[in-house]
Amino acid sequence: MKRFFSVFAVLLVVVFAAVTVLAADPAAQGKAQTTCPVLAGKIDKSLYTDYEGKRVYFCCASCKDDFMKDPGGYIKKMEDQGVVLEKTPGAK
């Protein structure tokens, strides 16, 4: 019986730790950005803009200009699709 409680306690700690880690990681709750919000092409991590504390990646340089015409609309569309945007480095 004592062994059962020991195993149960260890299992409880592991489950609690896993839940805590998943809750703290927004990427675990959604999906990372993999496509351009403008043309839906594969993103190039060297092409991005930071908008209101969020980093948005693009497939080509011209998409950044189109994005800036309606950044809130593009971000809303991505977030509605379950995309979790990276935070701008240094953003709170």
C-alpha atoms as a PDB file:
ATOM      1  CA  MET A   1       0.000   0.000   0.000  1.00  0.00           C
ATOM      2  CA  LYS A   2       2.863   2.361   0.837  1.00  0.00           C
ATOM      3  CA  ARG A   3       4.418   1.630  -2.564  1.00  0.00           C
ATOM      4  CA  PHE A   4       1.129   2.474  -4.284  1.00  0.00           C
ATOM      5  CA  PHE A   5       1.013   5.903  -2.634  1.00  0.00           C
ATOM      6  CA  SER A   6       4.648   6.555  -3.566  1.00  0.00           C
ATOM      7  CA  VAL A   7       4.016   5.720  -7.221  1.00  0.00           C
ATOM      8  CA  PHE A   8       0.808   7.771  -7.172  1.00  0.00           C
ATOM      9  CA  ALA A   9       2.620  10.759  -5.667  1.00  0.00           C
ATOM     10  CA  VAL A  10       5.367  10.621  -8.302  1.00  0.00           C
ATOM     11  CA  LEU A  11       2.789  10.327 -11.073  1.00  0.00           C
ATOM     12  CA  LEU A  12       0.869  13.284  -9.674  1.00  0.00           C
ATOM     13  CA  VAL A  13       4.012  15.435  -9.617  1.00  0.00           C
ATOM     14  CA  VAL A  14       4.859  14.518 -13.221  1.00  0.00           C
ATOM     15  CA  VAL A  15       1.345  15.337 -14.441  1.00  0.00           C
ATOM     16  CA  PHE A  16       1.324  18.635 -12.552  1.00  0.00           C
ATOM     17  CA  ALA A  17       4.725  19.590 -14.030  1.00  0.00           C
ATOM     18  CA  ALA A  18       3.586  18.757 -17.570  1.00  0.00           C
ATOM     19  CA  VAL A  19       0.405  20.812 -17.213  1.00  0.00           C
ATOM     20  CA  THR A  20       2.381  23.750 -15.832  1.00  0.00           C
ATOM     21  CA  VAL A  21       4.840  23.684 -18.751  1.00  0.00           C
ATOM     22  CA  LEU A  22       2.088  23.426 -21.363  1.00  0.00           C
ATOM     23  CA  ALA A  23       0.109  26.258 -19.793  1.00  0.00           C
ATOM     24  CA  ALA A  24       3.155  28.529 -19.791  1.00  0.00           C
ATOM     25  CA  ASP A  25       4.020  27.867 -23.459  1.00  0.00           C
ATOM     26  CA  PRO A  26       1.581  29.613 -25.835  1.00  0.00           C
ATOM     27  CA  ALA A  27       2.933  27.630 -28.775  1.00  0.00           C
ATOM     28  CA  ALA A  28       1.705  24.468 -27.063  1.00  0.00           C
ATOM     29  CA  GLN A  29      -1.819  25.915 -27.105  1.00  0.00           C
ATOM     30  CA  GLY A  30      -1.796  26.829 -30.789  1.00  0.00           C
ATOM     31  CA  LYS A  31       0.299  26.453 -33.867  1.00  0.00           C
ATOM     32  CA  ALA A  32       3.342  28.468 -34.860  1.00  0.00           C
ATOM     33  CA  GLN A  33       3.238  30.624 -37.979  1.00  0.00           C
ATOM     34  CA  THR A  34       4.423  28.642 -41.001  1.00  0.00           C
ATOM     35  CA  THR A  35       2.722  30.487 -43.858  1.00  0.00           C
ATOM     36  CA  CYS A  36       2.716  34.068 -45.049  1.00  0.00           C
ATOM     37  CA  PRO A  37      -0.423  35.972 -43.998  1.00  0.00           C
ATOM     38  CA  VAL A  38      -0.618  37.674 -47.410  1.00  0.00           C
ATOM     39  CA  LEU A  39       0.121  35.018 -50.059  1.00  0.00           C
ATOM     40  CA  ALA A  40       0.066  31.865 -47.888  1.00  0.00           C
ATOM     41  CA  GLY A  41       3.546  30.879 -49.079  1.00  0.00           C
ATOM     42  CA  LYS A  42       6.178  29.289 -46.860  1.00  0.00           C
ATOM     43  CA  ILE A  43       7.656  31.939 -44.554  1.00  0.00           C
ATOM     44  CA  ASP A  44      11.247  33.123 -44.703  1.00  0.00           C
ATOM     45  CA  LYS A  45      12.402  33.819 -41.123  1.00  0.00           C
ATOM     46  CA  SER A  46      14.660  36.628 -42.376  1.00  0.00           C
ATOM     47  CA  LEU A  47      11.615  38.561 -43.677  1.00  0.00           C
ATOM     48  CA  TYR A  48       9.492  39.879 -40.844  1.00  0.00           C
ATOM     49  CA  THR A  49       7.951  42.888 -39.203  1.00  0.00           C
ATOM     50  CA  ASP A  50       7.150  43.538 -35.572  1.00  0.00           C
ATOM     51  CA  TYR A  51       3.679  44.895 -34.939  1.00  0.00           C
ATOM     52  CA  GLU A  52       2.232  45.676 -31.510  1.00  0.00           C
ATOM     53  CA  GLY A  53       4.562  43.234 -29.753  1.00  0.00           C
ATOM     54  CA  LYS A  54       4.064  40.425 -32.265  1.00  0.00           C
ATOM     55  CA  ARG A  55       6.509  39.196 -34.893  1.00  0.00           C
ATOM     56  CA  VAL A  56       4.968  38.377 -38.275  1.00  0.00           C
ATOM     57  CA  TYR A  57       6.939  36.544 -40.976  1.00  0.00           C
ATOM     58  CA  PHE A  58       6.477  36.762 -44.749  1.00  0.00           C
ATOM     59  CA  CYS A  59       7.330  34.748 -47.842  1.00  0.00           C
ATOM     60  CA  CYS A  60       8.681  37.747 -49.777  1.00  0.00           C
ATOM     61  CA  ALA A  61       9.500  41.416 -49.225  1.00  0.00           C
ATOM     62  CA  SER A  62       6.466  42.738 -51.123  1.00  0.00           C
ATOM     63  CA  CYS A  63       4.102  40.961 -48.718  1.00  0.00           C
ATOM     64  CA  LYS A  64       5.314  43.161 -45.876  1.00  0.00           C
ATOM     65  CA  ASP A  65       4.028  46.248 -47.707  1.00  0.00           C
ATOM     66  CA  ASP A  66       0.629  44.632 -48.299  1.00  0.00           C
ATOM     67  CA  PHE A  67       0.473  43.498 -44.659  1.00  0.00           C
ATOM     68  CA  MET A  68       1.084  47.053 -43.412  1.00  0.00           C
ATOM     69  CA  LYS A  69      -2.066  48.240 -45.232  1.00  0.00           C
ATOM     70  CA  ASP A  70      -4.206  46.211 -42.760  1.00  0.00           C
ATOM     71  CA  PRO A  71      -1.992  44.609 -40.089  1.00  0.00           C
ATOM     72  CA  GLY A  72      -4.817  44.156 -37.592  1.00  0.00           C
ATOM     73  CA  GLY A  73      -6.927  42.293 -40.141  1.00  0.00           C
ATOM     74  CA  TYR A  74      -4.121  39.914 -41.069  1.00  0.00           C
ATOM     75  CA  ILE A  75      -3.241  39.250 -37.427  1.00  0.00           C
ATOM     76  CA  LYS A  76      -6.882  38.613 -36.530  1.00  0.00           C
ATOM     77  CA  LYS A  77      -7.224  36.165 -39.421  1.00  0.00           C
ATOM     78  CA  MET A  78      -4.109  34.240 -38.339  1.00  0.00           C
ATOM     79  CA  GLU A  79      -5.162  34.139 -34.692  1.00  0.00           C
ATOM     80  CA  ASP A  80      -8.677  33.011 -35.679  1.00  0.00           C
ATOM     81  CA  GLN A  81      -6.968  30.102 -37.468  1.00  0.00           C
ATOM     82  CA  GLY A  82      -5.164  29.155 -34.246  1.00  0.00           C
ATOM     83  CA  VAL A  83      -1.778  30.650 -35.147  1.00  0.00           C
ATOM     84  CA  VAL A  84       0.185  31.890 -32.137  1.00  0.00           C
ATOM     85  CA  LEU A  85       2.548  34.638 -33.230  1.00  0.00           C
ATOM     86  CA  GLU A  86       5.956  34.969 -31.637  1.00  0.00           C
ATOM     87  CA  LYS A  87       6.408  37.877 -29.281  1.00  0.00           C
ATOM     88  CA  THR A  88       8.723  40.637 -30.392  1.00  0.00           C
ATOM     89  CA  PRO A  89      12.059  40.164 -28.604  1.00  0.00           C
ATOM     90  CA  GLY A  90      12.030  42.454 -25.601  1.00  0.00           C
ATOM     91  CA  ALA A  91       8.227  42.785 -25.602  1.00  0.00           C
ATOM     92  CA  LYS A  92       6.378  42.126 -22.371  1.00  0.00           C
END
